[in-house]
């Protein structure tokens, strides 16, 4: 096991990467998906508790979210190879939209 020494031109390589448009779009999409996930994880239980939801609904909401996400986790390589990385991001935005829309009906 051998570790390469750190590159002396790290900053220049980083600036080259950040000058590419597709890298910036990727980072913005990743940031936005992270914001959505953080929003759901932070405020979902507060929202449901304020609505007077029973405790089992709090657990059921997480169970449904994990139950629908588990197959994607298991077969992630196959799905990515079939539909591509860019389409995975679009699909993620769609899933978050459906999930938040579903929570609005509660």
C-alpha atoms as a PDB file:
ATOM      1  CA  UNK A   1       0.000   0.000   0.000  1.00  0.00           C
ATOM      2  CA  UNK A   2       1.585   3.223  -1.127  1.00  0.00           C
ATOM      3  CA  UNK A   3       0.292   6.773  -0.857  1.00  0.00           C
ATOM      4  CA  UNK A   4       1.242   9.404  -3.404  1.00  0.00           C
ATOM      5  CA  UNK A   5       2.596  12.669  -1.996  1.00  0.00           C
ATOM      6  CA  UNK A   6       0.252  15.648  -2.293  1.00  0.00           C
ATOM      7  CA  UNK A   7       0.442  17.595  -5.514  1.00  0.00           C
ATOM      8  CA  UNK A   8       2.233  20.958  -5.201  1.00  0.00           C
ATOM      9  CA  UNK A   9      -0.073  22.502  -7.804  1.00  0.00           C
ATOM     10  CA  UNK A  10      -3.280  21.603  -5.974  1.00  0.00           C
ATOM     11  CA  UNK A  11      -4.722  25.115  -6.203  1.00  0.00           C
ATOM     12  CA  UNK A  12      -4.052  25.409  -9.945  1.00  0.00           C
ATOM     13  CA  UNK A  13      -5.651  22.007 -10.598  1.00  0.00           C
ATOM     14  CA  UNK A  14      -8.644  23.019  -8.469  1.00  0.00           C
ATOM     15  CA  UNK A  15      -9.022  26.296 -10.370  1.00  0.00           C
ATOM     16  CA  UNK A  16      -8.862  24.400 -13.680  1.00  0.00           C
ATOM     17  CA  UNK A  17     -11.665  22.139 -12.515  1.00  0.00           C
ATOM     18  CA  UNK A  18     -13.777  25.048 -11.292  1.00  0.00           C
ATOM     19  CA  UNK A  19     -13.369  26.841 -14.621  1.00  0.00           C
ATOM     20  CA  UNK A  20     -15.256  24.027 -16.395  1.00  0.00           C
ATOM     21  CA  UNK A  21     -18.964  24.700 -16.813  1.00  0.00           C
ATOM     22  CA  UNK A  22     -20.135  21.123 -16.341  1.00  0.00           C
ATOM     23  CA  UNK A  23     -18.280  20.895 -13.020  1.00  0.00           C
ATOM     24  CA  UNK A  24     -19.997  24.055 -11.777  1.00  0.00           C
ATOM     25  CA  UNK A  25     -23.416  22.781 -12.852  1.00  0.00           C
ATOM     26  CA  UNK A  26     -22.706  19.477 -11.098  1.00  0.00           C
ATOM     27  CA  UNK A  27     -21.701  21.271  -7.897  1.00  0.00           C
ATOM     28  CA  UNK A  28     -24.787  23.509  -7.996  1.00  0.00           C
ATOM     29  CA  UNK A  29     -27.102  20.544  -8.531  1.00  0.00           C
ATOM     30  CA  UNK A  30     -25.395  18.610  -5.762  1.00  0.00           C
ATOM     31  CA  UNK A  31     -25.675  21.642  -3.447  1.00  0.00           C
ATOM     32  CA  UNK A  32     -29.365  22.055  -4.207  1.00  0.00           C
ATOM     33  CA  UNK A  33     -30.123  18.376  -3.615  1.00  0.00           C
ATOM     34  CA  UNK A  34     -28.247  18.604  -0.311  1.00  0.00           C
ATOM     35  CA  UNK A  35     -30.282  21.649   0.694  1.00  0.00           C
ATOM     36  CA  UNK A  36     -33.508  19.789  -0.084  1.00  0.00           C
ATOM     37  CA  UNK A  37     -32.402  16.758   1.906  1.00  0.00           C
ATOM     38  CA  UNK A  38     -31.353  18.941   4.844  1.00  0.00           C
ATOM     39  CA  UNK A  39     -34.665  20.798   4.725  1.00  0.00           C
ATOM     40  CA  UNK A  40     -36.651  17.582   4.851  1.00  0.00           C
ATOM     41  CA  UNK A  41     -34.547  16.046   7.616  1.00  0.00           C
ATOM     42  CA  UNK A  42     -34.639  19.211   9.718  1.00  0.00           C
ATOM     43  CA  UNK A  43     -38.263  20.282   9.439  1.00  0.00           C
ATOM     44  CA  UNK A  44     -40.277  17.148   8.656  1.00  0.00           C
ATOM     45  CA  UNK A  45     -40.829  16.031  12.237  1.00  0.00           C
ATOM     46  CA  UNK A  46     -41.489  19.609  13.380  1.00  0.00           C
ATOM     47  CA  UNK A  47     -44.047  20.000  10.591  1.00  0.00           C
ATOM     48  CA  UNK A  48     -45.777  16.712  11.362  1.00  0.00           C
ATOM     49  CA  UNK A  49     -45.755  17.337  15.121  1.00  0.00           C
ATOM     50  CA  UNK A  50     -47.341  20.771  14.659  1.00  0.00           C
ATOM     51  CA  UNK A  51     -50.066  19.143  12.594  1.00  0.00           C
ATOM     52  CA  UNK A  52     -50.758  16.804  15.504  1.00  0.00           C
ATOM     53  CA  UNK A  53     -49.577  13.706  13.706  1.00  0.00           C
ATOM     54  CA  UNK A  54     -49.351  10.532  15.803  1.00  0.00           C
ATOM     55  CA  UNK A  55     -45.936   9.082  16.538  1.00  0.00           C
ATOM     56  CA  UNK A  56     -46.397   6.166  14.176  1.00  0.00           C
ATOM     57  CA  UNK A  57     -46.821   8.599  11.253  1.00  0.00           C
ATOM     58  CA  UNK A  58     -43.408  10.081  12.019  1.00  0.00           C
ATOM     59  CA  UNK A  59     -41.812   6.668  11.760  1.00  0.00           C
ATOM     60  CA  UNK A  60     -43.959   5.661   8.808  1.00  0.00           C
ATOM     61  CA  UNK A  61     -42.836   8.706   6.820  1.00  0.00           C
ATOM     62  CA  UNK A  62     -39.201   7.660   7.244  1.00  0.00           C
ATOM     63  CA  UNK A  63     -40.014   4.022   6.540  1.00  0.00           C
ATOM     64  CA  UNK A  64     -41.692   4.861   3.248  1.00  0.00           C
ATOM     65  CA  UNK A  65     -38.805   7.138   2.222  1.00  0.00           C
ATOM     66  CA  UNK A  66     -36.226   4.474   3.056  1.00  0.00           C
ATOM     67  CA  UNK A  67     -38.315   1.705   1.528  1.00  0.00           C
ATOM     68  CA  UNK A  68     -38.514   3.499  -1.791  1.00  0.00           C
ATOM     69  CA  UNK A  69     -34.826   4.458  -1.731  1.00  0.00           C
ATOM     70  CA  UNK A  70     -33.455   1.041  -0.819  1.00  0.00           C
ATOM     71  CA  UNK A  71     -33.833  -0.578  -4.266  1.00  0.00           C
ATOM     72  CA  UNK A  72     -31.967   2.354  -5.817  1.00  0.00           C
ATOM     73  CA  UNK A  73     -29.173   1.856  -3.318  1.00  0.00           C
ATOM     74  CA  UNK A  74     -28.885  -1.855  -4.043  1.00  0.00           C
ATOM     75  CA  UNK A  75     -28.934  -1.527  -7.823  1.00  0.00           C
ATOM     76  CA  UNK A  76     -27.223   1.879  -8.104  1.00  0.00           C
ATOM     77  CA  UNK A  77     -24.488   0.747 -10.508  1.00  0.00           C
ATOM     78  CA  UNK A  78     -26.963  -0.861 -12.857  1.00  0.00           C
ATOM     79  CA  UNK A  79     -29.284   2.138 -12.810  1.00  0.00           C
ATOM     80  CA  UNK A  80     -26.443   4.606 -13.413  1.00  0.00           C
ATOM     81  CA  UNK A  81     -25.118   2.535 -16.316  1.00  0.00           C
ATOM     82  CA  UNK A  82     -28.600   2.312 -17.863  1.00  0.00           C
ATOM     83  CA  UNK A  83     -29.792   5.919 -17.619  1.00  0.00           C
ATOM     84  CA  UNK A  84     -26.619   7.964 -17.017  1.00  0.00           C
ATOM     85  CA  UNK A  85     -25.400  10.272 -14.282  1.00  0.00           C
ATOM     86  CA  UNK A  86     -27.117  13.410 -15.546  1.00  0.00           C
ATOM     87  CA  UNK A  87     -30.471  11.682 -15.643  1.00  0.00           C
ATOM     88  CA  UNK A  88     -29.950  10.453 -12.084  1.00  0.00           C
ATOM     89  CA  UNK A  89     -29.817  14.064 -10.920  1.00  0.00           C
ATOM     90  CA  UNK A  90     -32.978  14.949 -12.827  1.00  0.00           C
ATOM     91  CA  UNK A  91     -34.681  11.878 -11.403  1.00  0.00           C
ATOM     92  CA  UNK A  92     -33.568  12.929  -7.908  1.00  0.00           C
ATOM     93  CA  UNK A  93     -35.140  16.360  -8.380  1.00  0.00           C
ATOM     94  CA  UNK A  94     -38.340  14.674  -9.524  1.00  0.00           C
ATOM     95  CA  UNK A  95     -38.398  12.359  -6.504  1.00  0.00           C
ATOM     96  CA  UNK A  96     -37.813  15.259  -4.101  1.00  0.00           C
ATOM     97  CA  UNK A  97     -40.623  17.187  -5.806  1.00  0.00           C
ATOM     98  CA  UNK A  98     -43.010  14.260  -5.424  1.00  0.00           C
ATOM     99  CA  UNK A  99     -41.956  13.718  -1.803  1.00  0.00           C
ATOM    100  CA  UNK A 100     -42.406  17.361  -0.812  1.00  0.00           C
ATOM    101  CA  UNK A 101     -45.684  17.534  -2.748  1.00  0.00           C
ATOM    102  CA  UNK A 102     -46.875  14.455  -0.851  1.00  0.00           C
ATOM    103  CA  UNK A 103     -45.961  16.036   2.482  1.00  0.00           C
ATOM    104  CA  UNK A 104     -47.992  19.109   1.526  1.00  0.00           C
ATOM    105  CA  UNK A 105     -51.119  16.945   1.404  1.00  0.00           C
ATOM    106  CA  UNK A 106     -50.570  15.697   4.953  1.00  0.00           C
END
